[in-house]
Amino acid sequence: MGDKIKVWTRQNEAILDILEKEGRYIVKEEYIVEKMEDCSKFYLDVYKWYTKKAQKIVPKPQDVHYPIWISLDTNFMLQPVTGNVVLELLIDEDLLITMDVEKWGRIVNYWYVPKNREDEAEHDKLLEKYGLCDDSSIYMSNFYPHLKRELIESWDRLFDHTYNLSDARQGTLWEVKKEWIVNIIK
């Protein structure tokens, strides 16, 4: 194991009972469906893509299917709200997958993740050439399979830290273990 790092995750307060009974918490599909309601299908699509790719960076336990989102800095930490808690965790750094917040935001919105600003400008010209207003229309339709393939392939740049779209970072873990908790913020 490597160096330790302090991180934070905001979760439904039911996590405390799960951690007490089971000693660990993993995300289940029903939690995503409950939280995201009508939008859950769209999140599950990108979460499945993310899980497939991210497990090559940090192998996931066999029973895990979705990531747990982590704040890396208290300045960008999700604050506690009614019915939720923020867990402050001390974890081995090599368990954490980090990324550029803006790159992830593009993926969640089914947008192209550019290599650089020039690539982004070229992609915008391509959209204009096809008369498309945005990338999500490529993803949602069956009319542009080659553009959809390029769009999804661009998402691999989420894990390329040589070019970032923002300075804001976030991360994921595959699980939370009870022994990692150093503080519970309500």
Protein backbone atom coordinates (compact mmCIF):
# COMPACT_ATOMS: atom_id res chain seq x y z
CA MET A 1 0.00 0.00 0.00
CA GLY A 2 1.07 3.56 -0.69
CA ASP A 3 0.77 6.95 0.91
CA LYS A 4 -2.39 7.90 2.78
CA ILE A 5 -4.70 10.68 1.59
CA LYS A 6 -7.72 12.33 3.21
CA VAL A 7 -10.87 12.49 1.02
CA TRP A 8 -14.60 13.12 1.48
CA THR A 9 -17.79 11.58 0.15
CA ARG A 10 -21.38 12.69 0.67
CA GLN A 11 -23.80 9.80 0.95
CA ASN A 12 -27.32 9.04 2.12
CA GLU A 13 -27.27 8.64 5.91
CA ALA A 14 -28.34 4.99 5.46
CA ILE A 15 -24.67 4.35 4.69
CA LEU A 16 -23.97 4.48 8.43
CA ASP A 17 -26.20 1.44 9.11
CA ILE A 18 -24.67 -0.44 6.17
CA LEU A 19 -21.15 0.28 7.38
CA GLU A 20 -22.06 -0.75 10.92
CA LYS A 21 -23.64 -4.05 9.82
CA GLU A 22 -21.36 -5.00 6.91
CA GLY A 23 -18.13 -3.10 7.57
CA ARG A 24 -18.08 -1.79 4.01
CA TYR A 25 -20.26 0.04 1.53
CA ILE A 26 -20.54 -0.40 -2.22
CA VAL A 27 -22.88 1.36 -4.65
CA LYS A 28 -25.79 -0.73 -5.86
CA GLU A 29 -27.78 0.04 -8.97
CA GLU A 30 -30.94 0.64 -6.98
CA TYR A 31 -29.19 3.48 -5.10
CA ILE A 32 -28.46 5.23 -8.39
CA VAL A 33 -32.01 4.69 -9.66
CA GLU A 34 -33.46 6.03 -6.41
CA LYS A 35 -31.23 9.10 -6.39
CA MET A 36 -31.37 9.97 -10.11
CA GLU A 37 -34.97 8.87 -10.75
CA ASP A 38 -35.94 9.51 -14.40
CA CYS A 39 -32.35 10.38 -15.35
CA SER A 40 -30.89 7.15 -13.93
CA LYS A 41 -30.67 5.40 -17.32
CA PHE A 42 -28.36 8.12 -18.62
CA TYR A 43 -26.14 7.99 -15.54
CA LEU A 44 -26.03 4.20 -15.61
CA ASP A 45 -24.82 4.29 -19.24
CA VAL A 46 -21.82 6.46 -18.41
CA TYR A 47 -21.20 4.77 -15.05
CA LYS A 48 -20.98 1.40 -16.84
CA TRP A 49 -18.55 2.90 -19.36
CA TYR A 50 -16.54 4.43 -16.50
CA THR A 51 -16.43 1.19 -14.52
CA LYS A 52 -15.21 -0.79 -17.53
CA LYS A 53 -12.36 1.68 -18.13
CA ALA A 54 -11.48 2.61 -14.55
CA GLN A 55 -11.08 -0.98 -13.35
CA LYS A 56 -8.03 -1.17 -15.62
CA ILE A 57 -6.43 1.59 -13.53
CA VAL A 58 -7.46 0.37 -10.07
CA PRO A 59 -8.87 -3.17 -10.10
CA LYS A 60 -12.31 -3.35 -8.54
CA PRO A 61 -13.63 -6.01 -6.19
CA GLN A 62 -15.69 -8.61 -8.07
CA ASP A 63 -18.97 -7.62 -6.41
CA VAL A 64 -18.62 -3.91 -7.31
CA HIS A 65 -20.41 -2.48 -10.35
CA TYR A 66 -20.31 1.30 -9.83
CA PRO A 67 -17.92 3.92 -8.41
CA ILE A 68 -18.23 6.01 -5.27
CA TRP A 69 -17.56 9.70 -5.94
CA ILE A 70 -14.95 11.42 -3.82
CA SER A 71 -14.02 15.05 -3.12
CA LEU A 72 -10.28 15.61 -2.94
CA ASP A 73 -10.39 19.02 -1.28
CA THR A 74 -12.61 20.54 1.38
CA ASN A 75 -13.08 23.60 -0.88
CA PHE A 76 -14.86 21.43 -3.45
CA MET A 77 -16.47 19.01 -1.01
CA LEU A 78 -20.21 18.47 -1.27
CA GLN A 79 -21.73 19.88 1.91
CA PRO A 80 -24.04 17.85 4.14
CA VAL A 81 -27.76 18.24 3.45
CA THR A 82 -30.80 16.78 5.19
CA GLY A 83 -30.76 12.99 4.99
CA ASN A 84 -27.07 12.84 4.02
CA VAL A 85 -23.72 12.67 5.76
CA VAL A 86 -20.22 13.50 4.62
CA LEU A 87 -17.66 10.85 5.45
CA GLU A 88 -14.09 12.00 5.89
CA LEU A 89 -11.89 9.08 4.92
CA LEU A 90 -8.20 8.31 5.24
CA ILE A 91 -7.34 5.90 2.43
CA ASP A 92 -4.37 4.48 0.59
CA GLU A 93 -3.77 6.84 -2.31
CA ASP A 94 -3.36 3.97 -4.76
CA LEU A 95 -7.05 3.04 -4.27
CA LEU A 96 -8.14 6.39 -5.71
CA ILE A 97 -8.78 7.23 -9.36
CA THR A 98 -8.64 10.98 -10.00
CA MET A 99 -9.89 13.07 -12.90
CA ASP A 100 -10.55 16.54 -14.23
CA VAL A 101 -14.04 17.62 -13.13
CA GLU A 102 -14.80 19.31 -16.47
CA LYS A 103 -13.83 16.23 -18.49
CA TRP A 104 -16.19 14.13 -16.39
CA GLY A 105 -18.91 16.76 -16.77
CA ARG A 106 -18.60 16.46 -20.53
CA ILE A 107 -18.96 12.69 -20.37
CA VAL A 108 -22.03 12.88 -18.14
CA ASN A 109 -23.58 15.21 -20.74
CA TYR A 110 -22.55 12.92 -23.63
CA TRP A 111 -20.12 15.50 -25.02
CA TYR A 112 -16.79 15.14 -26.77
CA VAL A 113 -13.63 15.33 -24.63
CA PRO A 114 -11.01 17.15 -26.72
CA LYS A 115 -7.26 16.43 -26.87
CA ASN A 116 -6.59 20.16 -26.71
CA ARG A 117 -8.19 23.48 -27.67
CA GLU A 118 -7.38 22.99 -31.37
CA ASP A 119 -9.05 19.58 -31.35
CA GLU A 120 -12.08 21.13 -29.66
CA ALA A 121 -12.32 23.77 -32.42
CA GLU A 122 -12.09 21.05 -35.09
CA HIS A 123 -14.82 19.08 -33.38
CA ASP A 124 -17.05 22.15 -33.24
CA LYS A 125 -16.55 22.60 -37.01
CA LEU A 126 -17.55 18.96 -37.52
CA LEU A 127 -20.78 19.51 -35.59
CA GLU A 128 -21.50 22.57 -37.69
CA LYS A 129 -20.81 20.62 -40.90
CA TYR A 130 -23.43 18.05 -39.91
CA GLY A 131 -25.86 20.71 -38.70
CA LEU A 132 -25.79 19.42 -35.13
CA CYS A 133 -26.24 21.72 -32.18
CA ASP A 134 -24.37 19.52 -29.68
CA ASP A 135 -22.80 16.13 -29.03
CA SER A 136 -25.68 14.68 -27.05
CA SER A 137 -27.74 14.51 -30.27
CA ILE A 138 -25.02 12.29 -31.74
CA TYR A 139 -25.12 9.97 -28.75
CA MET A 140 -28.91 9.77 -28.57
CA SER A 141 -29.51 9.09 -32.27
CA ASN A 142 -28.70 6.21 -34.59
CA PHE A 143 -27.91 8.52 -37.52
CA TYR A 144 -24.20 9.12 -36.94
CA PRO A 145 -22.57 5.85 -35.82
CA HIS A 146 -19.06 6.97 -36.82
CA LEU A 147 -19.45 10.23 -34.89
CA LYS A 148 -20.86 8.38 -31.89
CA ARG A 149 -17.86 6.02 -31.94
CA GLU A 150 -15.45 9.00 -32.03
CA LEU A 151 -17.39 10.68 -29.24
CA ILE A 152 -17.20 7.64 -26.95
CA GLU A 153 -13.53 7.05 -27.82
CA SER A 154 -12.79 10.66 -26.80
CA TRP A 155 -13.96 9.83 -23.29
CA ASP A 156 -10.80 7.79 -22.73
CA ARG A 157 -9.08 11.18 -22.36
CA LEU A 158 -10.67 11.38 -18.92
CA PHE A 159 -7.71 9.32 -17.72
CA ASP A 160 -5.08 11.33 -19.63
CA HIS A 161 -3.67 13.86 -17.18
CA THR A 162 -1.37 15.54 -19.74
CA TYR A 163 -4.18 17.91 -20.76
CA ASN A 164 -6.90 19.20 -18.47
CA LEU A 165 -9.90 21.39 -19.16
CA SER A 166 -10.00 22.73 -15.58
CA ASP A 167 -7.96 22.76 -12.40
CA ALA A 168 -10.74 21.14 -10.39
CA ARG A 169 -10.21 17.47 -9.57
CA GLN A 170 -12.41 14.72 -8.18
CA GLY A 171 -12.02 11.01 -7.69
CA THR A 172 -13.63 7.65 -7.21
CA LEU A 173 -13.21 4.61 -5.01
CA TRP A 174 -14.75 1.19 -5.49
CA GLU A 175 -15.76 0.81 -1.85
CA VAL A 176 -15.74 2.52 1.54
CA LYS A 177 -14.56 0.51 4.51
CA LYS A 178 -15.65 1.36 8.04
CA GLU A 179 -12.05 1.52 9.25
CA TRP A 180 -11.26 4.31 6.75
CA ILE A 181 -13.68 6.76 8.43
CA VAL A 182 -11.97 9.46 10.47
CA ASN A 183 -14.94 11.81 10.79
CA ILE A 184 -18.68 11.92 10.06
CA ILE A 185 -20.07 15.34 9.22
CA LYS A 186 -23.83 15.77 9.61
